[in-house]
Amino acid sequence: MRNIKLTLAYDGSEFAGWQVQPNGLSVQACVETAIEKLTQQKSGVLVAGRTDAGVHALGQVANFQTESSIPCKNILSGLQRFLPDSICIRKVDEVDAEFHATYSAVQKRYRYVIHNTAIVYPFLRRYVCEFGRPLDSDGMHTAGQHLLGMHDFRCFESHFPNKATSVRTIKELTVQRTSVWPVWNEGRLQQTTDRNSAQGEFITIDIVADGFLYNMVRAIVGTLLEVGVGRWSPGDVQKILNSLDRSQAGATAPANGLYLVQVDYEG
């Protein structure tokens, strides 16, 4: 039995999320159907992160087991033939039997993209959070530094409790304004001192952690937006974290600005 690892990108606006849902088309259903058509075998797919409806992915990772002898390069091209244009298989690797897309992951990078201008471009609305009020991106970045390290993040978890523990470790949280839309860049975004970027319309929030709670990134973004408009100070974020109370944090930001950028594994 072979263990096949897939790296995928997809436009989440067309799906009810990754996981199979009774109320709409899911990414998982499309991928599993494509695998069955290609290999003539039913295979369940494991995934690094079960993204919600409207959330996009640049580097989602999944794996499945198969008895098929099709080479990896042909699995890539073959699966793509059976997938909608909104899902792209970026890479296919054969991995050890012990590899598990969910449990073998050591950290994930999510990126949230805000279009901070009063002018709403119709072709961006599915892929960014449109926010017309001026935002203090430097203040948002300062506020985010209070969340670095290992903490109980239940104040940013919807419908607590969803996991055995709400303790997670945030390893990186950066907020920067830019004149371009760098959402396609994988990995860490380069900090810029370019004057045009400092006055740009886009704000990106990158968060790297060893794991995430349900709606955790979007709740953090909603909280940072409150700092950005001046309603809360950066120091208030520390108080919110200490409160362990979801009602004290900001609203859950819209799904369409969120991207699963990268999943890292040991080795």
Protein backbone atom coordinates (compact mmCIF):
# COMPACT_ATOMS: atom_id res chain seq x y z
CA MET A 1 0.00 0.00 0.00
CA ARG A 2 1.42 3.38 -1.04
CA ASN A 3 0.98 6.63 0.91
CA ILE A 4 0.59 9.63 -1.39
CA LYS A 5 1.02 13.23 -0.24
CA LEU A 6 -0.75 16.02 -2.14
CA THR A 7 -0.03 19.74 -1.98
CA LEU A 8 -3.06 21.69 -3.17
CA ALA A 9 -4.27 25.21 -3.84
CA TYR A 10 -7.92 26.12 -4.16
CA ASP A 11 -10.40 28.97 -4.42
CA GLY A 12 -12.51 28.44 -1.31
CA SER A 13 -15.28 30.78 -2.42
CA GLU A 14 -16.83 28.00 -4.49
CA PHE A 15 -16.99 25.44 -1.68
CA ALA A 16 -18.77 24.76 1.61
CA GLY A 17 -15.34 24.15 3.11
CA TRP A 18 -12.80 21.32 2.94
CA GLN A 19 -14.82 18.70 4.78
CA VAL A 20 -17.72 16.85 3.16
CA GLN A 21 -20.92 18.75 3.99
CA PRO A 22 -24.60 17.93 3.47
CA ASN A 23 -25.35 21.50 2.40
CA GLY A 24 -22.92 22.04 -0.45
CA LEU A 25 -19.92 20.99 -2.49
CA SER A 26 -16.69 20.42 -0.54
CA VAL A 27 -13.05 20.33 -1.60
CA GLN A 28 -12.66 16.92 0.04
CA ALA A 29 -15.50 15.44 -2.02
CA CYS A 30 -13.98 16.73 -5.25
CA VAL A 31 -10.52 15.35 -4.41
CA GLU A 32 -11.81 11.95 -3.29
CA THR A 33 -13.98 11.65 -6.41
CA ALA A 34 -10.99 12.50 -8.62
CA ILE A 35 -8.83 9.88 -6.87
CA GLU A 36 -11.50 7.22 -7.38
CA LYS A 37 -11.87 8.07 -11.06
CA LEU A 38 -8.11 7.94 -11.62
CA THR A 39 -7.21 4.86 -9.55
CA GLN A 40 -10.52 2.99 -9.75
CA GLN A 41 -10.31 2.68 -5.95
CA LYS A 42 -12.12 4.53 -3.17
CA SER A 43 -9.66 6.34 -0.89
CA GLY A 44 -10.31 8.49 2.13
CA VAL A 45 -8.23 11.67 2.23
CA LEU A 46 -6.59 13.05 5.38
CA VAL A 47 -5.87 16.78 5.50
CA ALA A 48 -3.65 19.23 7.39
CA GLY A 49 -6.35 21.83 8.02
CA ARG A 50 -10.11 21.64 7.52
CA THR A 51 -10.70 25.09 6.07
CA ASP A 52 -14.16 26.63 6.39
CA ALA A 53 -16.48 27.80 3.63
CA GLY A 54 -14.93 30.70 1.73
CA VAL A 55 -11.39 30.14 3.07
CA HIS A 56 -8.72 29.66 0.42
CA ALA A 57 -5.53 27.60 0.31
CA LEU A 58 -2.16 28.08 -1.35
CA GLY A 59 -0.42 25.14 0.32
CA GLN A 60 -2.98 22.74 1.78
CA VAL A 61 -1.56 19.25 2.38
CA ALA A 62 -3.47 15.98 2.18
CA ASN A 63 -2.60 12.31 1.92
CA PHE A 64 -4.30 9.09 0.89
CA GLN A 65 -3.37 5.43 0.63
CA THR A 66 -3.67 3.47 -2.59
CA GLU A 67 -2.66 0.20 -4.21
CA SER A 68 -2.35 1.96 -7.56
CA SER A 69 1.05 1.85 -9.27
CA ILE A 70 0.54 5.13 -11.17
CA PRO A 71 3.74 7.26 -10.93
CA CYS A 72 3.48 10.48 -8.92
CA LYS A 73 3.90 12.73 -11.95
CA ASN A 74 0.98 10.97 -13.62
CA ILE A 75 -1.11 11.16 -10.46
CA LEU A 76 -0.66 14.93 -10.55
CA SER A 77 -1.74 15.33 -14.16
CA GLY A 78 -4.38 12.62 -13.89
CA LEU A 79 -6.11 14.06 -10.83
CA GLN A 80 -6.12 17.52 -12.40
CA ARG A 81 -8.17 16.21 -15.29
CA PHE A 82 -10.96 15.21 -12.93
CA LEU A 83 -10.88 18.34 -10.73
CA PRO A 84 -12.65 21.67 -11.25
CA ASP A 85 -10.53 24.66 -12.24
CA SER A 86 -10.88 26.02 -8.71
CA ILE A 87 -8.66 23.21 -7.33
CA CYS A 88 -5.03 22.79 -8.33
CA ILE A 89 -2.74 19.87 -7.46
CA ARG A 90 0.63 21.59 -7.06
CA LYS A 91 2.76 18.63 -6.04
CA VAL A 92 2.53 14.86 -5.51
CA ASP A 93 5.00 12.85 -3.41
CA GLU A 94 5.14 9.26 -2.21
CA VAL A 95 5.87 9.33 1.53
CA ASP A 96 6.46 6.92 4.39
CA ALA A 97 3.50 4.88 5.64
CA GLU A 98 3.64 6.77 8.96
CA PHE A 99 3.05 10.18 7.36
CA HIS A 100 -0.27 11.71 8.40
CA ALA A 101 -1.22 15.09 6.92
CA THR A 102 -2.94 16.14 10.14
CA TYR A 103 -0.86 14.70 12.96
CA SER A 104 2.58 14.90 11.37
CA ALA A 105 2.33 18.68 10.87
CA VAL A 106 4.56 20.77 13.15
CA GLN A 107 3.29 24.23 12.18
CA LYS A 108 1.01 26.09 9.77
CA ARG A 109 1.10 29.54 8.25
CA TYR A 110 -2.14 31.42 7.66
CA ARG A 111 -2.37 34.77 5.90
CA TYR A 112 -5.22 37.25 6.10
CA VAL A 113 -5.49 39.94 3.41
CA ILE A 114 -7.31 43.22 3.98
CA HIS A 115 -8.04 45.71 1.19
CA ASN A 116 -7.99 48.93 3.21
CA THR A 117 -9.62 51.49 0.93
CA ALA A 118 -13.02 53.07 0.40
CA ILE A 119 -12.94 51.92 -3.24
CA VAL A 120 -14.24 48.36 -3.50
CA TYR A 121 -12.99 46.54 -6.60
CA PRO A 122 -15.53 43.91 -7.68
CA PHE A 123 -12.88 41.41 -8.80
CA LEU A 124 -11.23 41.35 -5.35
CA ARG A 125 -14.30 40.85 -3.19
CA ARG A 126 -14.04 37.06 -3.07
CA TYR A 127 -10.36 37.12 -2.13
CA VAL A 128 -9.84 39.92 0.39
CA CYS A 129 -11.60 41.50 3.34
CA GLU A 130 -12.79 44.92 2.18
CA PHE A 131 -12.39 47.47 4.98
CA GLY A 132 -13.03 51.11 4.15
CA ARG A 133 -12.04 52.85 7.41
CA PRO A 134 -8.37 53.87 7.85
CA LEU A 135 -6.34 51.30 9.80
CA ASP A 136 -3.19 51.77 11.89
CA SER A 137 -1.24 48.75 10.67
CA ASP A 138 1.74 49.56 12.93
CA GLY A 139 -0.53 49.56 15.98
CA MET A 140 -2.05 46.27 14.83
CA HIS A 141 1.41 44.76 14.55
CA THR A 142 2.35 45.96 18.02
CA ALA A 143 -0.85 44.50 19.44
CA GLY A 144 -0.18 41.17 17.78
CA GLN A 145 3.13 40.76 19.58
CA HIS A 146 1.21 40.22 22.84
CA LEU A 147 0.00 36.92 21.36
CA LEU A 148 3.42 35.43 20.68
CA GLY A 149 4.35 32.33 22.64
CA MET A 150 2.39 29.56 24.35
CA HIS A 151 -1.00 30.65 25.71
CA ASP A 152 -4.53 29.46 26.29
CA PHE A 153 -6.27 31.01 23.27
CA ARG A 154 -9.85 30.15 24.19
CA CYS A 155 -10.81 33.83 23.92
CA PHE A 156 -10.24 33.46 20.16
CA GLU A 157 -12.06 30.13 19.77
CA SER A 158 -15.63 29.91 18.51
CA HIS A 159 -17.90 27.47 20.37
CA PHE A 160 -15.34 26.60 23.07
CA PRO A 161 -14.39 23.86 23.74
CA ASN A 162 -13.72 22.21 20.37
CA LYS A 163 -10.39 20.57 21.21
CA ALA A 164 -8.89 18.67 24.13
CA THR A 165 -6.92 21.80 24.97
CA SER A 166 -7.04 25.42 23.83
CA VAL A 167 -3.31 25.94 24.49
CA ARG A 168 -1.35 26.75 21.35
CA THR A 169 2.00 28.38 20.52
CA ILE A 170 2.12 31.31 18.10
CA LYS A 171 5.62 31.54 16.67
CA GLU A 172 5.17 34.53 14.39
CA LEU A 173 2.58 37.27 13.95
CA THR A 174 3.27 40.09 11.53
CA VAL A 175 1.08 42.89 10.21
CA GLN A 176 2.29 44.99 7.32
CA ARG A 177 0.89 47.39 4.78
CA THR A 178 1.89 46.99 1.16
CA SER A 179 1.13 48.53 -2.22
CA VAL A 180 0.87 45.14 -3.91
CA TRP A 181 -1.08 41.99 -3.18
CA PRO A 182 1.55 39.47 -2.02
CA VAL A 183 -0.94 36.75 -1.17
CA TRP A 184 0.61 34.30 -3.63
CA ASN A 185 4.00 34.40 -1.91
CA GLU A 186 4.68 31.29 0.11
CA GLY A 187 6.58 31.46 3.36
CA ARG A 188 7.42 34.58 5.30
CA LEU A 189 6.76 37.92 3.62
CA GLN A 190 9.72 40.25 3.42
CA GLN A 191 9.37 43.35 5.55
CA THR A 192 9.54 46.49 3.44
CA THR A 193 10.46 50.10 4.11
CA ASP A 194 9.37 51.23 0.66
CA ARG A 195 7.38 54.45 0.93
CA ASN A 196 4.78 53.35 -1.62
CA SER A 197 4.21 50.14 0.33
CA ALA A 198 3.85 52.07 3.58
CA GLN A 199 0.99 53.99 1.97
CA GLY A 200 -0.45 50.98 0.14
CA GLU A 201 -4.02 49.72 0.14
CA PHE A 202 -3.34 46.16 1.28
CA ILE A 203 -2.65 44.90 4.80
CA THR A 204 -1.44 41.34 5.31
CA ILE A 205 -1.54 39.53 8.64
CA ASP A 206 0.62 36.39 8.79
CA ILE A 207 0.28 34.00 11.73
CA VAL A 208 2.42 30.91 12.25
CA ALA A 209 1.53 28.47 15.04
CA ASP A 210 1.87 24.83 16.00
CA GLY A 211 -1.91 24.55 15.69
CA PHE A 212 -5.07 26.61 15.48
CA LEU A 213 -8.44 26.53 17.19
CA TYR A 214 -11.77 26.87 15.38
CA ASN A 215 -11.94 30.38 13.86
CA MET A 216 -8.84 31.39 15.84
CA VAL A 217 -7.15 33.34 13.04
CA ARG A 218 -10.31 35.18 12.06
CA ALA A 219 -11.05 36.08 15.70
CA ILE A 220 -7.52 37.42 16.12
CA VAL A 221 -7.91 39.48 12.95
CA GLY A 222 -11.24 40.85 14.18
CA THR A 223 -9.54 41.89 17.41
CA LEU A 224 -6.63 43.54 15.60
CA LEU A 225 -9.11 45.48 13.47
CA GLU A 226 -10.49 47.03 16.64
CA VAL A 227 -6.97 48.19 17.46
CA GLY A 228 -6.52 49.40 13.89
CA VAL A 229 -9.49 51.77 14.06
CA GLY A 230 -8.42 53.05 17.48
CA ARG A 231 -11.23 51.54 19.51
CA TRP A 232 -8.76 49.46 21.56
CA SER A 233 -5.11 50.00 22.43
CA PRO A 234 -2.40 47.41 21.67
CA GLY A 235 -2.21 46.68 25.39
CA ASP A 236 -5.89 45.78 25.48
CA VAL A 237 -5.05 42.64 23.50
CA GLN A 238 -3.07 41.32 26.48
CA LYS A 239 -6.10 41.88 28.71
CA ILE A 240 -8.34 40.06 26.24
CA LEU A 241 -5.92 37.12 26.13
CA ASN A 242 -5.85 36.96 29.93
CA SER A 243 -9.66 37.08 30.15
CA LEU A 244 -10.12 33.65 28.51
CA ASP A 245 -13.49 35.03 27.38
CA ARG A 246 -14.52 34.98 23.70
CA SER A 247 -17.00 37.83 24.27
CA GLN A 248 -14.12 40.16 25.16
CA ALA A 249 -12.37 39.73 21.79
CA GLY A 250 -13.30 41.17 18.42
CA ALA A 251 -15.77 39.80 15.90
CA THR A 252 -14.86 36.90 13.63
CA ALA A 253 -13.45 38.44 10.45
CA PRO A 254 -14.96 37.35 7.10
CA ALA A 255 -13.72 34.07 5.64
CA ASN A 256 -12.85 35.39 2.19
CA GLY A 257 -9.67 37.16 3.32
CA LEU A 258 -8.08 34.02 4.81
CA TYR A 259 -5.53 31.70 3.18
CA LEU A 260 -3.82 28.55 4.39
CA VAL A 261 -0.40 29.36 2.99
CA GLN A 262 1.93 26.60 4.12
CA VAL A 263 2.11 23.48 6.29
CA ASP A 264 5.49 22.38 7.63
CA TYR A 265 6.59 18.88 8.59
CA GLU A 266 9.73 17.50 10.19
CA GLY A 267 12.54 16.45 7.90
